[in-house]
Protein backbone atom coordinates (compact mmCIF):
# COMPACT_ATOMS: atom_id res chain seq x y z
CA MET A 1 43.43 -327.72 141.07
CA LEU A 2 43.91 -325.05 138.39
CA ALA A 3 45.71 -321.91 137.28
CA ALA A 4 44.84 -319.03 135.11
CA ILE A 5 45.61 -315.66 133.19
CA ALA A 6 43.07 -313.51 131.03
CA ALA A 7 40.29 -311.04 129.98
CA ALA A 8 40.67 -309.57 126.50
CA THR A 9 42.39 -310.10 123.19
CA SER A 10 45.72 -308.72 124.32
CA LEU A 11 47.25 -308.40 127.72
CA LEU A 12 49.17 -305.23 128.37
CA PRO A 13 51.29 -302.76 126.49
CA LEU A 14 54.96 -303.46 127.06
CA ALA A 15 57.21 -300.42 127.13
CA ALA A 16 55.35 -297.66 128.89
CA ASP A 17 58.06 -295.33 130.13
CA ALA A 18 58.39 -296.14 133.82
CA GLU A 19 56.54 -299.46 133.77
CA THR A 20 58.68 -302.51 134.46
CA SER A 21 58.13 -306.06 133.25
CA GLU A 22 57.25 -306.93 136.84
CA GLY A 23 54.49 -304.32 136.90
CA GLN A 24 53.19 -305.42 133.52
CA VAL A 25 53.09 -309.07 134.53
CA LYS A 26 51.33 -308.24 137.81
CA SER A 27 48.75 -306.19 135.90
CA ALA A 28 48.30 -309.01 133.39
CA TYR A 29 47.80 -311.48 136.21
CA GLU A 30 45.23 -309.23 137.88
CA ALA A 31 43.29 -308.96 134.61
CA TRP A 32 43.47 -312.73 134.00
CA ASP A 33 42.31 -313.45 137.56
CA ALA A 34 39.46 -310.94 137.18
CA ALA A 35 38.21 -312.60 133.98
CA PHE A 36 38.44 -316.06 135.53
CA ASN A 37 36.75 -314.97 138.75
CA GLN A 38 33.92 -313.37 136.76
CA GLY A 39 33.37 -316.77 135.15
CA ASP A 40 34.27 -315.54 131.65
CA ALA A 41 36.15 -318.37 129.94
CA LYS A 42 35.96 -316.59 126.57
CA ALA A 43 37.76 -313.56 128.04
CA VAL A 44 40.34 -315.86 129.65
CA ALA A 45 41.01 -317.49 126.26
CA GLY A 46 41.45 -314.01 124.78
CA PHE A 47 44.73 -313.62 126.64
CA TYR A 48 46.26 -316.46 124.61
CA ALA A 49 47.79 -316.41 121.13
CA ASP A 50 45.76 -318.22 118.47
CA ASP A 51 48.28 -321.08 118.45
CA ALA A 52 48.88 -321.12 122.23
CA MET A 53 49.39 -324.34 124.14
CA LEU A 54 47.97 -325.09 127.60
CA LEU A 55 49.50 -328.01 129.52
CA PRO A 56 47.38 -328.79 132.60
CA PRO A 57 48.26 -331.41 135.24
CA THR A 58 45.96 -333.90 133.46
CA HIS A 59 48.77 -334.34 130.90
CA ASP A 60 46.43 -333.20 128.11
CA VAL A 61 47.87 -330.97 125.42
CA ILE A 62 45.34 -328.24 124.67
CA GLU A 63 46.02 -326.11 121.62
CA GLY A 64 44.42 -322.91 120.40
CA THR A 65 42.04 -320.45 121.97
CA GLY A 66 38.97 -322.63 121.29
CA GLY A 67 40.41 -325.53 123.27
CA ILE A 68 41.63 -323.20 126.00
CA GLU A 69 38.18 -321.61 126.30
CA GLN A 70 36.59 -325.07 126.53
CA PHE A 71 39.08 -326.13 129.22
CA PHE A 72 38.41 -323.06 131.38
CA THR A 73 34.65 -323.35 130.82
CA GLY A 74 34.91 -326.74 132.51
CA VAL A 75 37.09 -325.45 135.34
CA ILE A 76 34.81 -322.51 136.03
CA GLY A 77 31.75 -324.75 135.72
CA SER A 78 33.16 -327.07 138.38
CA GLY A 79 32.90 -324.23 140.90
CA VAL A 80 36.51 -323.03 141.06
CA THR A 81 36.63 -319.39 142.16
CA GLY A 82 38.95 -316.92 143.85
CA HIS A 83 41.84 -317.55 141.45
CA LYS A 84 45.06 -315.65 142.18
CA LEU A 85 48.42 -315.59 140.37
CA GLU A 86 51.62 -314.28 141.95
CA PRO A 87 54.90 -314.02 140.04
CA ILE A 88 57.97 -315.67 141.57
CA ARG A 89 60.50 -314.82 138.85
CA ILE A 90 60.27 -312.87 135.60
CA MET A 91 62.76 -313.30 132.74
CA GLU A 92 62.61 -311.22 129.58
CA ASP A 93 64.31 -310.91 126.20
CA ASP A 94 63.47 -309.00 123.03
CA ASP A 95 60.57 -311.26 122.01
CA GLN A 96 59.28 -312.99 125.13
CA VAL A 97 58.59 -312.72 128.84
CA VAL A 98 58.82 -315.97 130.83
CA VAL A 99 57.27 -316.09 134.29
CA ALA A 100 57.40 -318.66 137.07
CA ALA A 101 54.40 -318.11 139.35
CA ARG A 102 52.35 -319.41 142.24
CA TRP A 103 48.61 -319.86 141.83
CA SER A 104 45.76 -320.55 144.20
CA ALA A 105 41.99 -320.95 143.91
CA GLN A 106 38.99 -321.99 145.97
CA GLY A 107 36.82 -324.99 145.20
CA LYS A 108 35.54 -328.26 146.57
CA ASP A 109 37.44 -331.51 147.04
CA GLN A 110 36.14 -334.91 145.91
CA ALA A 111 34.06 -335.19 149.07
CA GLY A 112 32.46 -331.80 148.42
CA ALA A 113 34.27 -329.97 151.23
CA ALA A 114 35.52 -326.44 150.62
CA THR A 115 39.25 -326.40 149.94
CA THR A 116 42.07 -324.27 148.60
CA PHE A 117 43.91 -325.53 145.54
CA GLN A 118 47.41 -324.24 144.85
CA GLY A 119 50.45 -324.91 142.75
CA ILE A 120 53.16 -323.56 140.48
CA ALA A 121 52.75 -322.28 136.91
CA THR A 122 55.00 -321.28 134.03
CA HIS A 123 53.86 -318.71 131.47
CA VAL A 124 55.56 -317.74 128.24
CA PHE A 125 54.27 -314.45 126.84
CA ASP A 126 55.10 -313.36 123.29
CA LYS A 127 55.55 -309.64 122.76
CA GLN A 128 53.25 -308.46 119.97
CA ASP A 129 54.06 -305.83 117.33
CA ASP A 130 51.62 -303.43 119.01
CA GLY A 131 53.48 -303.77 122.34
CA SER A 132 50.95 -306.10 123.97
CA LEU A 133 51.60 -309.54 125.42
CA LYS A 134 49.89 -312.81 124.49
CA LEU A 135 50.30 -316.12 126.25
CA GLU A 136 51.99 -318.65 123.99
CA LEU A 137 52.53 -321.39 126.59
CA HIS A 138 50.91 -322.02 129.99
CA THR A 139 51.63 -325.03 132.15
CA PHE A 140 50.74 -325.65 135.78
CA ASN A 141 50.45 -328.30 138.47
C-alpha cells in the first residue's frame, strides 16, 4: 500500500570519510522507517525539503511538508506498520542522490485480513549546504 523515508529535519551528513552513498542511503532509510514505524508522521515529513513533492499511487500530487505530514498521518492511522525500504540502485551527482528502492509494510486488506503490501519507490535527495540530504521527490506504487 505505501512507502516511506524519515525522522528529523535533515537526513544524514554526506561526505564522512569512509562512508559511501550506499551506506548513507541505507542509514537514511533506517531512520525513515523508524520514524514511520513509531507512528510519527511529523518526523517523517521532516525528512523532506519544504517544497518536496510526494506522488503516491492514488495519482494525487502532494506538495510541501504539511501535505506530506497529513498524507502519512492518514497512512499510519490506517494501521500500516512494519515499513521497510531497501535500495536497488543508487545514482549520485554533485547536487543529488537518486535511489530506486523496494518497500514493504504490514497492514490489513479491504476485508480486514492481515497482509503485506509491497512495491517500488523512487527517491530524489537534494544535498544540502551542511552536507545533509533532504527528499525533494518521492514516488511509489
